[in-house]
Structures are given as structure tokens and as C-alpha cells.
PDB file of N, CA and C in Angstrom:
ATOM      1  N   MET A   1      -9.355  -4.227  14.102  1.00  0.00           N
ATOM      2  CA  MET A   1      -8.152  -3.489  14.452  1.00  0.00           C
ATOM      3  C   MET A   1      -8.336  -2.837  15.813  1.00  0.00           C
ATOM      4  N   SER A   2      -7.227  -2.689  16.508  1.00  0.00           N
ATOM      5  CA  SER A   2      -7.297  -2.079  17.829  1.00  0.00           C
ATOM      6  C   SER A   2      -7.362  -0.553  17.709  1.00  0.00           C
ATOM      7  N   LYS A   3      -7.777   0.069  18.786  1.00  0.00           N
ATOM      8  CA  LYS A   3      -7.889   1.528  18.805  1.00  0.00           C
ATOM      9  C   LYS A   3      -6.525   2.181  18.638  1.00  0.00           C
ATOM     10  N   LYS A   4      -5.490   1.557  19.208  1.00  0.00           N
ATOM     11  CA  LYS A   4      -4.140   2.112  19.084  1.00  0.00           C
ATOM     12  C   LYS A   4      -3.699   2.133  17.628  1.00  0.00           C
ATOM     13  N   ARG A   5      -3.963   1.044  16.920  1.00  0.00           N
ATOM     14  CA  ARG A   5      -3.541   0.959  15.518  1.00  0.00           C
ATOM     15  C   ARG A   5      -4.295   1.970  14.663  1.00  0.00           C
ATOM     16  N   ILE A   6      -5.582   2.113  14.904  1.00  0.00           N
ATOM     17  CA  ILE A   6      -6.374   3.087  14.145  1.00  0.00           C
ATOM     18  C   ILE A   6      -5.878   4.503  14.427  1.00  0.00           C
ATOM     19  N   GLY A   7      -5.610   4.803  15.702  1.00  0.00           N
ATOM     20  CA  GLY A   7      -5.079   6.121  16.062  1.00  0.00           C
ATOM     21  C   GLY A   7      -3.726   6.388  15.426  1.00  0.00           C
ATOM     22  N   ALA A   8      -2.871   5.371  15.384  1.00  0.00           N
ATOM     23  CA  ALA A   8      -1.549   5.534  14.779  1.00  0.00           C
ATOM     24  C   ALA A   8      -1.665   5.787  13.281  1.00  0.00           C
ATOM     25  N   ILE A   9      -2.576   5.067  12.627  1.00  0.00           N
ATOM     26  CA  ILE A   9      -2.768   5.257  11.186  1.00  0.00           C
ATOM     27  C   ILE A   9      -3.303   6.660  10.900  1.00  0.00           C
ATOM     28  N   LEU A  10      -4.238   7.115  11.707  1.00  0.00           N
ATOM     29  CA  LEU A  10      -4.771   8.471  11.521  1.00  0.00           C
ATOM     30  C   LEU A  10      -3.703   9.535  11.748  1.00  0.00           C
ATOM     31  N   ALA A  11      -2.891   9.364  12.794  1.00  0.00           N
ATOM     32  CA  ALA A  11      -1.826  10.329  13.081  1.00  0.00           C
ATOM     33  C   ALA A  11      -0.808  10.368  11.942  1.00  0.00           C
ATOM     34  N   LEU A  12      -0.426   9.195  11.435  1.00  0.00           N
ATOM     35  CA  LEU A  12       0.515   9.157  10.315  1.00  0.00           C
ATOM     36  C   LEU A  12      -0.078   9.809   9.073  1.00  0.00           C
ATOM     37  N   GLY A  13      -1.364   9.579   8.851  1.00  0.00           N
ATOM     38  CA  GLY A  13      -2.020  10.205   7.706  1.00  0.00           C
ATOM     39  C   GLY A  13      -2.027  11.717   7.810  1.00  0.00           C
ATOM     40  N   LEU A  14      -2.341  12.230   8.984  1.00  0.00           N
ATOM     41  CA  LEU A  14      -2.366  13.683   9.174  1.00  0.00           C
ATOM     42  C   LEU A  14      -0.982  14.300   9.014  1.00  0.00           C
ATOM     43  N   ILE A  15       0.026  13.656   9.570  1.00  0.00           N
ATOM     44  CA  ILE A  15       1.385  14.168   9.440  1.00  0.00           C
ATOM     45  C   ILE A  15       1.831  14.093   7.979  1.00  0.00           C
ATOM     46  N   GLY A  16       1.462  13.015   7.293  1.00  0.00           N
ATOM     47  CA  GLY A  16       1.806  12.887   5.873  1.00  0.00           C
ATOM     48  C   GLY A  16       1.161  13.975   5.022  1.00  0.00           C
ATOM     49  N   ILE A  17      -0.102  14.265   5.306  1.00  0.00           N
ATOM     50  CA  ILE A  17      -0.796  15.334   4.582  1.00  0.00           C
ATOM     51  C   ILE A  17      -0.116  16.675   4.844  1.00  0.00           C
ATOM     52  N   LEU A  18       0.303  16.901   6.076  1.00  0.00           N
ATOM     53  CA  LEU A  18       0.973  18.152   6.417  1.00  0.00           C
ATOM     54  C   LEU A  18       2.301  18.289   5.666  1.00  0.00           C
ATOM     55  N   TYR A  19       3.081  17.208   5.583  1.00  0.00           N
ATOM     56  CA  TYR A  19       4.330  17.245   4.822  1.00  0.00           C
ATOM     57  C   TYR A  19       4.060  17.412   3.329  1.00  0.00           C
ATOM     58  N   GLY A  20       3.018  16.756   2.822  1.00  0.00           N
ATOM     59  CA  GLY A  20       2.667  16.921   1.412  1.00  0.00           C
ATOM     60  C   GLY A  20       2.310  18.366   1.085  1.00  0.00           C
ATOM     61  N   ALA A  21       1.535  18.984   1.964  1.00  0.00           N
ATOM     62  CA  ALA A  21       1.183  20.396   1.764  1.00  0.00           C
ATOM     63  C   ALA A  21       2.423  21.282   1.809  1.00  0.00           C
ATOM     64  N   THR A  22       3.359  20.942   2.683  1.00  0.00           N
ATOM     65  CA  THR A  22       4.594  21.720   2.783  1.00  0.00           C
ATOM     66  C   THR A  22       5.383  21.643   1.485  1.00  0.00           C
ATOM     67  N   ILE A  23       5.486  20.442   0.914  1.00  0.00           N
ATOM     68  CA  ILE A  23       6.238  20.273  -0.334  1.00  0.00           C
ATOM     69  C   ILE A  23       5.566  21.044  -1.474  1.00  0.00           C
ATOM     70  N   ILE A  24       4.250  20.955  -1.561  1.00  0.00           N
ATOM     71  CA  ILE A  24       3.527  21.667  -2.618  1.00  0.00           C
ATOM     72  C   ILE A  24       3.709  23.171  -2.463  1.00  0.00           C
ATOM     73  N   LEU A  25       3.587  23.677  -1.247  1.00  0.00           N
ATOM     74  CA  LEU A  25       3.757  25.116  -1.016  1.00  0.00           C
ATOM     75  C   LEU A  25       5.183  25.570  -1.292  1.00  0.00           C
ATOM     76  N   ALA A  26       6.164  24.701  -1.023  1.00  0.00           N
ATOM     77  CA  ALA A  26       7.557  25.055  -1.301  1.00  0.00           C
ATOM     78  C   ALA A  26       7.777  25.205  -2.807  1.00  0.00           C
ATOM     79  N   PHE A  27       7.166  24.323  -3.594  1.00  0.00           N
ATOM     80  CA  PHE A  27       7.295  24.437  -5.042  1.00  0.00           C
ATOM     81  C   PHE A  27       6.563  25.659  -5.596  1.00  0.00           C
ATOM     82  N   LEU A  28       5.512  26.065  -4.938  1.00  0.00           N
ATOM     83  CA  LEU A  28       4.772  27.243  -5.372  1.00  0.00           C
ATOM     84  C   LEU A  28       5.418  28.532  -4.879  1.00  0.00           C
ATOM     85  N   ASP A  29       6.488  28.405  -4.107  1.00  0.00           N
ATOM     86  CA  ASP A  29       7.238  29.533  -3.558  1.00  0.00           C
ATOM     87  C   ASP A  29       6.347  30.425  -2.695  1.00  0.00           C
ATOM     88  N   SER A  30       5.609  29.791  -1.811  1.00  0.00           N
ATOM     89  CA  SER A  30       4.724  30.509  -0.916  1.00  0.00           C
ATOM     90  C   SER A  30       5.478  30.897   0.359  1.00  0.00           C
ATOM     91  N   SER A  31       5.170  32.048   0.901  1.00  0.00           N
ATOM     92  CA  SER A  31       5.799  32.459   2.156  1.00  0.00           C
ATOM     93  C   SER A  31       5.245  31.645   3.325  1.00  0.00           C
ATOM     94  N   PHE A  32       4.114  31.020   3.120  1.00  0.00           N
ATOM     95  CA  PHE A  32       3.490  30.178   4.144  1.00  0.00           C
ATOM     96  C   PHE A  32       4.200  28.831   4.274  1.00  0.00           C
ATOM     97  N   ALA A  33       5.044  28.476   3.292  1.00  0.00           N
ATOM     98  CA  ALA A  33       5.706  27.166   3.273  1.00  0.00           C
ATOM     99  C   ALA A  33       6.606  26.980   4.499  1.00  0.00           C
ATOM    100  N   ARG A  34       7.320  28.005   4.902  1.00  0.00           N
ATOM    101  CA  ARG A  34       8.220  27.885   6.066  1.00  0.00           C
ATOM    102  C   ARG A  34       7.416  27.624   7.340  1.00  0.00           C
ATOM    103  N   SER A  35       6.320  28.327   7.510  1.00  0.00           N
ATOM    104  CA  SER A  35       5.473  28.110   8.685  1.00  0.00           C
ATOM    105  C   SER A  35       4.882  26.706   8.670  1.00  0.00           C
ATOM    106  N   CYS A  36       4.500  26.250   7.501  1.00  0.00           N
ATOM    107  CA  CYS A  36       3.941  24.911   7.367  1.00  0.00           C
ATOM    108  C   CYS A  36       5.002  23.849   7.691  1.00  0.00           C
ATOM    109  N   LEU A  37       6.250  24.076   7.257  1.00  0.00           N
ATOM    110  CA  LEU A  37       7.330  23.145   7.578  1.00  0.00           C
ATOM    111  C   LEU A  37       7.583  23.095   9.080  1.00  0.00           C
ATOM    112  N   MET A  38       7.583  24.235   9.719  1.00  0.00           N
ATOM    113  CA  MET A  38       7.788  24.259  11.163  1.00  0.00           C
ATOM    114  C   MET A  38       6.651  23.551  11.888  1.00  0.00           C
ATOM    115  N   ALA A  39       5.439  23.716  11.409  1.00  0.00           N
ATOM    116  CA  ALA A  39       4.293  23.021  12.005  1.00  0.00           C
ATOM    117  C   ALA A  39       4.420  21.516  11.813  1.00  0.00           C
ATOM    118  N   ALA A  40       4.880  21.078  10.640  1.00  0.00           N
ATOM    119  CA  ALA A  40       5.054  19.651  10.371  1.00  0.00           C
ATOM    120  C   ALA A  40       6.127  19.057  11.276  1.00  0.00           C
ATOM    121  N   LEU A  41       7.233  19.760  11.424  1.00  0.00           N
ATOM    122  CA  LEU A  41       8.299  19.271  12.311  1.00  0.00           C
ATOM    123  C   LEU A  41       7.821  19.217  13.759  1.00  0.00           C
ATOM    124  N   PHE A  42       7.096  20.229  14.181  1.00  0.00           N
ATOM    125  CA  PHE A  42       6.550  20.254  15.535  1.00  0.00           C
ATOM    126  C   PHE A  42       5.615  19.069  15.760  1.00  0.00           C
ATOM    127  N   CYS A  43       4.723  18.830  14.807  1.00  0.00           N
ATOM    128  CA  CYS A  43       3.777  17.716  14.927  1.00  0.00           C
ATOM    129  C   CYS A  43       4.477  16.366  14.907  1.00  0.00           C
ATOM    130  N   THR A  44       5.549  16.254  14.129  1.00  0.00           N
ATOM    131  CA  THR A  44       6.289  15.002  14.064  1.00  0.00           C
ATOM    132  C   THR A  44       6.910  14.653  15.408  1.00  0.00           C
ATOM    133  N   ILE A  45       7.309  15.651  16.157  1.00  0.00           N
ATOM    134  CA  ILE A  45       7.945  15.410  17.455  1.00  0.00           C
ATOM    135  C   ILE A  45       6.925  15.381  18.582  1.00  0.00           C
ATOM    136  N   VAL A  46       6.034  16.337  18.626  1.00  0.00           N
ATOM    137  CA  VAL A  46       5.151  16.518  19.773  1.00  0.00           C
ATOM    138  C   VAL A  46       3.984  15.526  19.809  1.00  0.00           C
ATOM    139  N   ILE A  47       3.332  15.291  18.690  1.00  0.00           N
ATOM    140  CA  ILE A  47       2.152  14.418  18.698  1.00  0.00           C
ATOM    141  C   ILE A  47       2.470  13.013  19.199  1.00  0.00           C
ATOM    142  N   PRO A  48       3.509  12.339  18.675  1.00  0.00           N
ATOM    143  CA  PRO A  48       3.814  11.005  19.215  1.00  0.00           C
ATOM    144  C   PRO A  48       4.221  11.034  20.691  1.00  0.00           C
ATOM    145  N   THR A  49       4.924  12.076  21.103  1.00  0.00           N
ATOM    146  CA  THR A  49       5.337  12.189  22.500  1.00  0.00           C
ATOM    147  C   THR A  49       4.130  12.342  23.419  1.00  0.00           C
ATOM    148  N   VAL A  50       3.187  13.172  23.031  1.00  0.00           N
ATOM    149  CA  VAL A  50       1.985  13.384  23.841  1.00  0.00           C
ATOM    150  C   VAL A  50       1.141  12.109  23.903  1.00  0.00           C
ATOM    151  N   ILE A  51       1.018  11.417  22.777  1.00  0.00           N
ATOM    152  CA  ILE A  51       0.248  10.174  22.757  1.00  0.00           C
ATOM    153  C   ILE A  51       0.905   9.127  23.642  1.00  0.00           C
ATOM    154  N   TYR A  52       2.229   9.014  23.576  1.00  0.00           N
ATOM    155  CA  TYR A  52       2.944   8.053  24.417  1.00  0.00           C
ATOM    156  C   TYR A  52       2.759   8.391  25.896  1.00  0.00           C
ATOM    157  N   ALA A  53       2.904   9.670  26.253  1.00  0.00           N
ATOM    158  CA  ALA A  53       2.727  10.076  27.644  1.00  0.00           C
ATOM    159  C   ALA A  53       1.307   9.765  28.122  1.00  0.00           C
ATOM    160  N   TYR A  54       0.329  10.010  27.276  1.00  0.00           N
ATOM    161  CA  TYR A  54      -1.060   9.704  27.616  1.00  0.00           C
ATOM    162  C   TYR A  54      -1.236   8.209  27.872  1.00  0.00           C
ATOM    163  N   MET A  55      -0.649   7.370  27.026  1.00  0.00           N
ATOM    164  CA  MET A  55      -0.763   5.925  27.202  1.00  0.00           C
ATOM    165  C   MET A  55      -0.111   5.460  28.498  1.00  0.00           C
ATOM    166  N   VAL A  56       1.034   6.048  28.851  1.00  0.00           N
ATOM    167  CA  VAL A  56       1.705   5.690  30.103  1.00  0.00           C
ATOM    168  C   VAL A  56       0.852   6.097  31.296  1.00  0.00           C
ATOM    169  N   ILE A  57       0.285   7.276  31.261  1.00  0.00           N
ATOM    170  CA  ILE A  57      -0.546   7.752  32.368  1.00  0.00           C
ATOM    171  C   ILE A  57      -1.784   6.874  32.528  1.00  0.00           C
ATOM    172  N   VAL A  58      -2.413   6.509  31.422  1.00  0.00           N
ATOM    173  CA  VAL A  58      -3.594   5.646  31.495  1.00  0.00           C
ATOM    174  C   VAL A  58      -3.224   4.285  32.080  1.00  0.00           C
ATOM    175  N   LYS A  59      -2.073   3.740  31.681  1.00  0.00           N
ATOM    176  CA  LYS A  59      -1.641   2.446  32.203  1.00  0.00           C
ATOM    177  C   LYS A  59      -1.399   2.513  33.707  1.00  0.00           C
ATOM    178  N   VAL A  60      -0.768   3.575  34.173  1.00  0.00           N
ATOM    179  CA  VAL A  60      -0.497   3.735  35.604  1.00  0.00           C
ATOM    180  C   VAL A  60      -1.798   3.894  36.380  1.00  0.00           C
ATOM    181  N   LEU A  61      -2.723   4.676  35.867  1.00  0.00           N
ATOM    182  CA  LEU A  61      -3.989   4.877  36.555  1.00  0.00           C
ATOM    183  C   LEU A  61      -4.822   3.597  36.608  1.00  0.00           C
ATOM    184  N   LYS A  62      -4.757   2.777  35.569  1.00  0.00           N
ATOM    185  CA  LYS A  62      -5.487   1.515  35.577  1.00  0.00           C
ATOM    186  C   LYS A  62      -4.921   0.584  36.633  1.00  0.00           C
ATOM    187  N   ARG A  63      -3.598   0.568  36.783  1.00  0.00           N
ATOM    188  CA  ARG A  63      -2.985  -0.282  37.811  1.00  0.00           C
ATOM    189  C   ARG A  63      -3.400   0.174  39.212  1.00  0.00           C
ATOM    190  N   ARG A  64      -3.487   1.479  39.410  1.00  0.00           N
ATOM    191  CA  ARG A  64      -3.903   2.001  40.728  1.00  0.00           C
ATOM    192  C   ARG A  64      -5.324   1.615  41.050  1.00  0.00           C
ATOM    193  N   ASP A  65      -6.194   1.668  40.043  1.00  0.00           N
ATOM    194  CA  ASP A  65      -7.595   1.317  40.274  1.00  0.00           C
ATOM    195  C   ASP A  65      -7.771  -0.141  40.648  1.00  0.00           C
ATOM    196  N   LYS A  66      -6.937  -1.011  40.098  1.00  0.00           N
ATOM    197  CA  LYS A  66      -7.044  -2.434  40.394  1.00  0.00           C
ATOM    198  C   LYS A  66      -6.587  -2.753  41.811  1.00  0.00           C
ATOM    199  N   LYS A  67      -5.664  -1.963  42.335  1.00  0.00           N
ATOM    200  CA  LYS A  67      -5.158  -2.196  43.704  1.00  0.00           C
ATOM    201  C   LYS A  67      -6.099  -1.596  44.668  1.00  0.00           C
TER     202      LYS A  67
END
């Protein structure tokens, strides 16, 4: 498997665990559940965006090095 695929699987696993914890905490009526939900939503949006930006920057830098 490629490094990208392994990284994507790990990221999905971490986000899934975070959502699972949020659901469990919501059923337990924990005050921490809202913070956990906000963290899960933040990670769902920010982590893929940061990874994509990193991949674009690496691709551009590799092209510059070849020239």
C-alpha cells in the first residue's frame, strides 16, 4: 500500500474514533460531549484540508527541484 493510502486510513480511523467517543459521551449526558463534538467537526474539516495543502506544496517543491 502507498503512504497516502495508509495515511488516509489512519486519519479516517482517528476521526471515526472521535465521533464514536462523541456519541458515547452524548448518551452518558456528559458536559464534555459538546466539546468533543466541536473537536470532531473541526478535525473533519481541518485535517483533510491541511493534508491536501501539504501534498500540493510538496508537489510544487518537487517540480522546482527538478528544474
